Amino acid sequence: MHTDPAAVRKSVRLYVTIGVSLLVFTAITVMANRLHFVVPIAITVAIIIACIKGSMVASVFMHLSHEKKWIYGALLLTIVFFIFLMCIPLFTIMDTIGTPVRATPIEHAGH
């Protein structure tokens, strides 16, 4: 809890700044929609704006900026699982169980 008046003013200033920034990015979203970009560019712009707005909300209003150790841990775990999931097709390609074995002709001695 903030009991220092200067810390409270700083927190309120941060919340107001983020709130105004969210309003600005919402206006940018509306303006981008009115420009009628081609679909790939429109999707890219929308995703960039959504990521910026989402990161502002998550870091300030959800107080995730104070949880750096947990965030980095979750990010590392996500990367490990992503790499594992990307390797699954390789594991299935390398797997030879169930594939027919080509028989080599056996030469019989004396025949």
Protein backbone atom coordinates (compact mmCIF):
# COMPACT_ATOMS: atom_id res chain seq x y z
CA MET A 1 0.00 0.00 0.00
CA HIS A 2 1.16 3.50 -0.75
CA THR A 3 1.06 5.73 2.29
CA ASP A 4 3.43 8.40 1.06
CA PRO A 5 1.49 11.25 -0.65
CA ALA A 6 4.22 11.62 -3.29
CA ALA A 7 3.98 7.90 -4.14
CA VAL A 8 0.19 8.16 -4.38
CA ARG A 9 0.46 11.15 -6.73
CA LYS A 10 2.99 9.25 -8.83
CA SER A 11 0.66 6.21 -9.06
CA VAL A 12 -2.33 8.36 -9.96
CA ARG A 13 -0.28 10.17 -12.60
CA LEU A 14 0.77 6.80 -14.07
CA TYR A 15 -2.83 5.53 -14.16
CA VAL A 16 -4.05 8.72 -15.81
CA THR A 17 -1.20 8.59 -18.35
CA ILE A 18 -2.02 4.99 -19.24
CA GLY A 19 -5.74 5.80 -19.44
CA VAL A 20 -5.09 8.70 -21.81
CA SER A 21 -2.70 6.54 -23.85
CA LEU A 22 -5.40 3.87 -24.19
CA LEU A 23 -7.84 6.52 -25.43
CA VAL A 24 -5.25 7.74 -27.95
CA PHE A 25 -4.60 4.23 -29.22
CA THR A 26 -8.35 3.63 -29.47
CA ALA A 27 -8.60 6.76 -31.63
CA ILE A 28 -5.69 5.47 -33.74
CA THR A 29 -7.55 2.17 -34.15
CA VAL A 30 -10.66 4.00 -35.38
CA MET A 31 -8.60 6.13 -37.78
CA ALA A 32 -6.78 3.06 -39.09
CA ASN A 33 -10.15 1.42 -39.72
CA ARG A 34 -11.29 4.42 -41.77
CA LEU A 35 -8.17 4.25 -43.98
CA HIS A 36 -9.33 0.90 -45.43
CA PHE A 37 -5.94 -0.79 -45.62
CA VAL A 38 -5.61 -4.02 -47.55
CA VAL A 39 -6.31 -7.01 -45.34
CA PRO A 40 -2.72 -8.08 -44.47
CA ILE A 41 -1.72 -4.52 -43.53
CA ALA A 42 -4.98 -3.96 -41.63
CA ILE A 43 -4.42 -7.13 -39.61
CA THR A 44 -0.81 -6.18 -38.90
CA VAL A 45 -1.77 -2.69 -37.74
CA ALA A 46 -4.60 -4.07 -35.60
CA ILE A 47 -2.31 -6.63 -33.95
CA ILE A 48 0.40 -4.04 -33.25
CA ILE A 49 -2.10 -1.65 -31.66
CA ALA A 50 -3.72 -4.47 -29.66
CA CYS A 51 -0.31 -5.64 -28.38
CA ILE A 52 0.63 -2.14 -27.29
CA LYS A 53 -2.69 -1.58 -25.53
CA GLY A 54 -2.67 -5.04 -23.98
CA SER A 55 0.85 -4.66 -22.65
CA MET A 56 -0.03 -1.29 -21.10
CA VAL A 57 -3.10 -2.75 -19.38
CA ALA A 58 -1.27 -5.87 -18.22
CA SER A 59 1.81 -4.09 -16.93
CA VAL A 60 0.08 -1.24 -15.09
CA PHE A 61 -3.54 -2.11 -14.27
CA MET A 62 -2.80 -5.79 -13.63
CA HIS A 63 0.46 -4.88 -11.82
CA LEU A 64 2.51 -7.34 -13.87
CA SER A 65 5.38 -4.87 -14.06
CA HIS A 66 6.01 -5.69 -10.39
CA GLU A 67 6.15 -9.45 -11.04
CA LYS A 68 9.22 -9.62 -13.28
CA LYS A 69 10.55 -12.91 -11.87
CA TRP A 70 7.24 -14.71 -12.46
CA ILE A 71 6.84 -13.18 -15.91
CA TYR A 72 10.31 -14.28 -16.99
CA GLY A 73 9.67 -17.75 -15.56
CA ALA A 74 6.41 -18.07 -17.48
CA LEU A 75 8.11 -16.77 -20.63
CA LEU A 76 10.93 -19.30 -20.29
CA LEU A 77 8.43 -22.11 -19.73
CA THR A 78 6.48 -20.98 -22.80
CA ILE A 79 9.64 -21.01 -24.92
CA VAL A 80 10.57 -24.51 -23.72
CA PHE A 81 7.10 -25.88 -24.51
CA PHE A 82 7.07 -24.08 -27.88
CA ILE A 83 10.37 -25.69 -28.85
CA PHE A 84 9.10 -29.07 -27.69
CA LEU A 85 5.88 -28.73 -29.71
CA MET A 86 7.82 -27.67 -32.78
CA CYS A 87 9.99 -30.80 -32.44
CA ILE A 88 7.04 -33.22 -32.30
CA PRO A 89 6.80 -33.47 -36.12
CA LEU A 90 10.51 -34.27 -36.22
CA PHE A 91 10.00 -37.04 -33.67
CA THR A 92 7.23 -38.55 -35.79
CA ILE A 93 9.35 -38.39 -38.94
CA MET A 94 12.30 -40.05 -37.20
CA ASP A 95 10.03 -42.76 -35.77
CA THR A 96 10.32 -46.01 -37.75
CA ILE A 97 7.88 -48.06 -35.69
CA GLY A 98 5.19 -49.52 -37.92
CA THR A 99 6.99 -48.90 -41.20
CA PRO A 100 7.46 -51.99 -43.33
CA VAL A 101 10.94 -53.41 -43.40
CA ARG A 102 12.15 -54.22 -46.87
CA ALA A 103 13.25 -57.78 -46.99
CA THR A 104 16.49 -58.46 -48.72
CA PRO A 105 16.57 -61.63 -50.80
CA ILE A 106 18.36 -64.44 -49.08
CA GLU A 107 20.61 -66.44 -51.30
CA HIS A 108 20.51 -70.07 -50.44
CA ALA A 109 23.77 -71.86 -50.62
CA GLY A 110 23.82 -74.62 -53.15
CA HIS A 111 20.62 -73.79 -54.98
